[in-house]
Amino acid sequence: MLWTIFVVLLVLWLLGFIGFHVLGAYIHILLLIALVVLILQLVGGRRTAV
């Protein structure tokens, strides 16, 4: 699920970077949030639910 969100935000960021300069800042912020969550997920590792 995390990877899906990351890919969607990456695509939206690229579209915003190319075409929509007004929405570009918001998409950059969302991409940065997604990157932080991804890094935290990778550093934390997989935890099994009990």
PDB file of N, CA and C in Angstrom:
ATOM      1  N   MET A   1       0.823  -1.185   0.000  1.00  0.00           N
ATOM      2  CA  MET A   1       0.000   0.000   0.000  1.00  0.00           C
ATOM      3  C   MET A   1       0.874   1.259   0.000  1.00  0.00           C
ATOM      4  N   LEU A   2       1.931   1.232   0.803  1.00  0.00           N
ATOM      5  CA  LEU A   2       2.830   2.373   0.871  1.00  0.00           C
ATOM      6  C   LEU A   2       3.494   2.626  -0.479  1.00  0.00           C
ATOM      7  N   TRP A   3       3.885   1.561  -1.150  1.00  0.00           N
ATOM      8  CA  TRP A   3       4.528   1.711  -2.465  1.00  0.00           C
ATOM      9  C   TRP A   3       3.549   2.276  -3.480  1.00  0.00           C
ATOM     10  N   THR A   4       2.292   1.896  -3.399  1.00  0.00           N
ATOM     11  CA  THR A   4       1.280   2.417  -4.321  1.00  0.00           C
ATOM     12  C   THR A   4       1.102   3.918  -4.125  1.00  0.00           C
ATOM     13  N   ILE A   5       1.022   4.341  -2.876  1.00  0.00           N
ATOM     14  CA  ILE A   5       0.898   5.773  -2.586  1.00  0.00           C
ATOM     15  C   ILE A   5       2.127   6.519  -3.080  1.00  0.00           C
ATOM     16  N   PHE A   6       3.299   5.942  -2.871  1.00  0.00           N
ATOM     17  CA  PHE A   6       4.543   6.560  -3.317  1.00  0.00           C
ATOM     18  C   PHE A   6       4.565   6.740  -4.825  1.00  0.00           C
ATOM     19  N   VAL A   7       4.173   5.711  -5.570  1.00  0.00           N
ATOM     20  CA  VAL A   7       4.168   5.785  -7.030  1.00  0.00           C
ATOM     21  C   VAL A   7       3.146   6.808  -7.521  1.00  0.00           C
ATOM     22  N   VAL A   8       1.964   6.812  -6.932  1.00  0.00           N
ATOM     23  CA  VAL A   8       0.933   7.771  -7.339  1.00  0.00           C
ATOM     24  C   VAL A   8       1.416   9.198  -7.093  1.00  0.00           C
ATOM     25  N   LEU A   9       1.993   9.459  -5.929  1.00  0.00           N
ATOM     26  CA  LEU A   9       2.494  10.797  -5.635  1.00  0.00           C
ATOM     27  C   LEU A   9       3.654  11.178  -6.549  1.00  0.00           C
ATOM     28  N   LEU A  10       4.480  10.209  -6.897  1.00  0.00           N
ATOM     29  CA  LEU A  10       5.583  10.483  -7.813  1.00  0.00           C
ATOM     30  C   LEU A  10       5.066  10.880  -9.187  1.00  0.00           C
ATOM     31  N   VAL A  11       4.063  10.172  -9.681  1.00  0.00           N
ATOM     32  CA  VAL A  11       3.470  10.504 -10.985  1.00  0.00           C
ATOM     33  C   VAL A  11       2.806  11.873 -10.939  1.00  0.00           C
ATOM     34  N   LEU A  12       2.056  12.147  -9.866  1.00  0.00           N
ATOM     35  CA  LEU A  12       1.419  13.455  -9.730  1.00  0.00           C
ATOM     36  C   LEU A  12       2.458  14.569  -9.643  1.00  0.00           C
ATOM     37  N   TRP A  13       3.563  14.294  -8.960  1.00  0.00           N
ATOM     38  CA  TRP A  13       4.623  15.291  -8.854  1.00  0.00           C
ATOM     39  C   TRP A  13       5.225  15.584 -10.226  1.00  0.00           C
ATOM     40  N   LEU A  14       5.464  14.531 -11.007  1.00  0.00           N
ATOM     41  CA  LEU A  14       6.017  14.734 -12.348  1.00  0.00           C
ATOM     42  C   LEU A  14       5.050  15.511 -13.233  1.00  0.00           C
ATOM     43  N   LEU A  15       3.758  15.204 -13.155  1.00  0.00           N
ATOM     44  CA  LEU A  15       2.765  15.952 -13.929  1.00  0.00           C
ATOM     45  C   LEU A  15       2.729  17.415 -13.496  1.00  0.00           C
ATOM     46  N   GLY A  16       2.780  17.642 -12.210  1.00  0.00           N
ATOM     47  CA  GLY A  16       2.784  19.002 -11.705  1.00  0.00           C
ATOM     48  C   GLY A  16       4.053  19.754 -12.074  1.00  0.00           C
ATOM     49  N   PHE A  17       5.158  19.043 -12.086  1.00  0.00           N
ATOM     50  CA  PHE A  17       6.437  19.664 -12.427  1.00  0.00           C
ATOM     51  C   PHE A  17       6.462  20.072 -13.889  1.00  0.00           C
ATOM     52  N   ILE A  18       5.827  19.277 -14.738  1.00  0.00           N
ATOM     53  CA  ILE A  18       5.826  19.542 -16.180  1.00  0.00           C
ATOM     54  C   ILE A  18       4.754  20.560 -16.557  1.00  0.00           C
ATOM     55  N   GLY A  19       3.527  20.375 -16.057  1.00  0.00           N
ATOM     56  CA  GLY A  19       2.429  21.172 -16.575  1.00  0.00           C
ATOM     57  C   GLY A  19       1.782  22.166 -15.648  1.00  0.00           C
ATOM     58  N   PHE A  20       1.594  21.816 -14.409  1.00  0.00           N
ATOM     59  CA  PHE A  20       0.797  22.650 -13.520  1.00  0.00           C
ATOM     60  C   PHE A  20       1.693  23.289 -12.468  1.00  0.00           C
ATOM     61  N   HIS A  21       2.151  24.500 -12.750  1.00  0.00           N
ATOM     62  CA  HIS A  21       3.073  25.154 -11.836  1.00  0.00           C
ATOM     63  C   HIS A  21       2.371  25.618 -10.559  1.00  0.00           C
ATOM     64  N   VAL A  22       1.082  25.879 -10.632  1.00  0.00           N
ATOM     65  CA  VAL A  22       0.348  26.323  -9.447  1.00  0.00           C
ATOM     66  C   VAL A  22       0.222  25.184  -8.449  1.00  0.00           C
ATOM     67  N   LEU A  23      -0.074  23.983  -8.930  1.00  0.00           N
ATOM     68  CA  LEU A  23      -0.232  22.834  -8.041  1.00  0.00           C
ATOM     69  C   LEU A  23       1.096  22.182  -7.706  1.00  0.00           C
ATOM     70  N   GLY A  24       2.153  22.606  -8.369  1.00  0.00           N
ATOM     71  CA  GLY A  24       3.462  21.984  -8.178  1.00  0.00           C
ATOM     72  C   GLY A  24       3.938  22.022  -6.746  1.00  0.00           C
ATOM     73  N   ALA A  25       3.728  23.140  -6.058  1.00  0.00           N
ATOM     74  CA  ALA A  25       4.195  23.264  -4.676  1.00  0.00           C
ATOM     75  C   ALA A  25       3.483  22.265  -3.767  1.00  0.00           C
ATOM     76  N   TYR A  26       2.185  22.107  -3.944  1.00  0.00           N
ATOM     77  CA  TYR A  26       1.437  21.161  -3.115  1.00  0.00           C
ATOM     78  C   TYR A  26       1.879  19.726  -3.390  1.00  0.00           C
ATOM     79  N   ILE A  27       2.119  19.428  -4.641  1.00  0.00           N
ATOM     80  CA  ILE A  27       2.548  18.076  -4.998  1.00  0.00           C
ATOM     81  C   ILE A  27       3.955  17.814  -4.460  1.00  0.00           C
ATOM     82  N   HIS A  28       4.821  18.830  -4.460  1.00  0.00           N
ATOM     83  CA  HIS A  28       6.148  18.674  -3.881  1.00  0.00           C
ATOM     84  C   HIS A  28       6.047  18.358  -2.388  1.00  0.00           C
ATOM     85  N   ILE A  29       5.151  19.057  -1.708  1.00  0.00           N
ATOM     86  CA  ILE A  29       4.967  18.811  -0.277  1.00  0.00           C
ATOM     87  C   ILE A  29       4.472  17.387  -0.036  1.00  0.00           C
ATOM     88  N   LEU A  30       3.507  16.932  -0.841  1.00  0.00           N
ATOM     89  CA  LEU A  30       3.002  15.571  -0.698  1.00  0.00           C
ATOM     90  C   LEU A  30       4.085  14.541  -0.991  1.00  0.00           C
ATOM     91  N   LEU A  31       4.929  14.829  -1.979  1.00  0.00           N
ATOM     92  CA  LEU A  31       6.010  13.906  -2.302  1.00  0.00           C
ATOM     93  C   LEU A  31       7.015  13.835  -1.158  1.00  0.00           C
ATOM     94  N   LEU A  32       7.330  14.957  -0.568  1.00  0.00           N
ATOM     95  CA  LEU A  32       8.252  14.951   0.563  1.00  0.00           C
ATOM     96  C   LEU A  32       7.682  14.179   1.744  1.00  0.00           C
ATOM     97  N   ILE A  33       6.380  14.325   1.990  1.00  0.00           N
ATOM     98  CA  ILE A  33       5.742  13.557   3.062  1.00  0.00           C
ATOM     99  C   ILE A  33       5.819  12.059   2.761  1.00  0.00           C
ATOM    100  N   ALA A  34       5.557  11.702   1.495  1.00  0.00           N
ATOM    101  CA  ALA A  34       5.625  10.295   1.100  1.00  0.00           C
ATOM    102  C   ALA A  34       7.043   9.751   1.263  1.00  0.00           C
ATOM    103  N   LEU A  35       8.052  10.545   0.925  1.00  0.00           N
ATOM    104  CA  LEU A  35       9.434  10.102   1.084  1.00  0.00           C
ATOM    105  C   LEU A  35       9.793   9.899   2.552  1.00  0.00           C
ATOM    106  N   VAL A  36       9.333  10.791   3.418  1.00  0.00           N
ATOM    107  CA  VAL A  36       9.599  10.647   4.845  1.00  0.00           C
ATOM    108  C   VAL A  36       8.953   9.378   5.383  1.00  0.00           C
ATOM    109  N   VAL A  37       7.712   9.127   4.985  1.00  0.00           N
ATOM    110  CA  VAL A  37       7.015   7.917   5.432  1.00  0.00           C
ATOM    111  C   VAL A  37       7.712   6.676   4.900  1.00  0.00           C
ATOM    112  N   LEU A  38       8.146   6.719   3.651  1.00  0.00           N
ATOM    113  CA  LEU A  38       8.858   5.583   3.054  1.00  0.00           C
ATOM    114  C   LEU A  38      10.154   5.305   3.794  1.00  0.00           C
ATOM    115  N   ILE A  39      10.919   6.332   4.094  1.00  0.00           N
ATOM    116  CA  ILE A  39      12.179   6.152   4.811  1.00  0.00           C
ATOM    117  C   ILE A  39      11.930   5.605   6.215  1.00  0.00           C
ATOM    118  N   LEU A  40      10.915   6.140   6.896  1.00  0.00           N
ATOM    119  CA  LEU A  40      10.588   5.622   8.226  1.00  0.00           C
ATOM    120  C   LEU A  40      10.168   4.158   8.166  1.00  0.00           C
ATOM    121  N   GLN A  41       9.445   3.796   7.135  1.00  0.00           N
ATOM    122  CA  GLN A  41       8.995   2.410   6.969  1.00  0.00           C
ATOM    123  C   GLN A  41      10.198   1.489   6.718  1.00  0.00           C
ATOM    124  N   LEU A  42      11.123   1.939   5.890  1.00  0.00           N
ATOM    125  CA  LEU A  42      12.299   1.128   5.584  1.00  0.00           C
ATOM    126  C   LEU A  42      13.222   1.000   6.793  1.00  0.00           C
ATOM    127  N   VAL A  43      13.399   2.079   7.534  1.00  0.00           N
ATOM    128  CA  VAL A  43      14.264   2.055   8.707  1.00  0.00           C
ATOM    129  C   VAL A  43      13.644   1.212   9.821  1.00  0.00           C
ATOM    130  N   GLY A  44      12.336   1.371  10.000  1.00  0.00           N
ATOM    131  CA  GLY A  44      11.653   0.631  11.060  1.00  0.00           C
ATOM    132  C   GLY A  44      11.545  -0.852  10.769  1.00  0.00           C
ATOM    133  N   GLY A  45      11.569  -1.205   9.508  1.00  0.00           N
ATOM    134  CA  GLY A  45      11.434  -2.612   9.152  1.00  0.00           C
ATOM    135  C   GLY A  45      10.002  -3.083   9.264  1.00  0.00           C
ATOM    136  N   ARG A  46       9.787  -4.308   8.886  1.00  0.00           N
ATOM    137  CA  ARG A  46       8.437  -4.874   8.961  1.00  0.00           C
ATOM    138  C   ARG A  46       8.194  -5.416  10.347  1.00  0.00           C
ATOM    139  N   ARG A  47       7.049  -5.053  10.890  1.00  0.00           N
ATOM    140  CA  ARG A  47       6.648  -5.556  12.199  1.00  0.00           C
ATOM    141  C   ARG A  47       5.413  -6.423  12.000  1.00  0.00           C
ATOM    142  N   THR A  48       5.390  -7.541  12.656  1.00  0.00           N
ATOM    143  CA  THR A  48       4.251  -8.433  12.528  1.00  0.00           C
ATOM    144  C   THR A  48       3.186  -8.078  13.549  1.00  0.00           C
ATOM    145  N   ALA A  49       1.961  -8.144  13.122  1.00  0.00           N
ATOM    146  CA  ALA A  49       0.845  -7.876  14.039  1.00  0.00           C
ATOM    147  C   ALA A  49       0.604  -9.081  14.900  1.00  0.00           C
ATOM    148  N   VAL A  50       0.321  -8.851  16.164  1.00  0.00           N
ATOM    149  CA  VAL A  50       0.106  -9.956  17.104  1.00  0.00           C
ATOM    150  C   VAL A  50      -1.371 -10.143  17.331  1.00  0.00           C
TER     151      VAL A  50
END
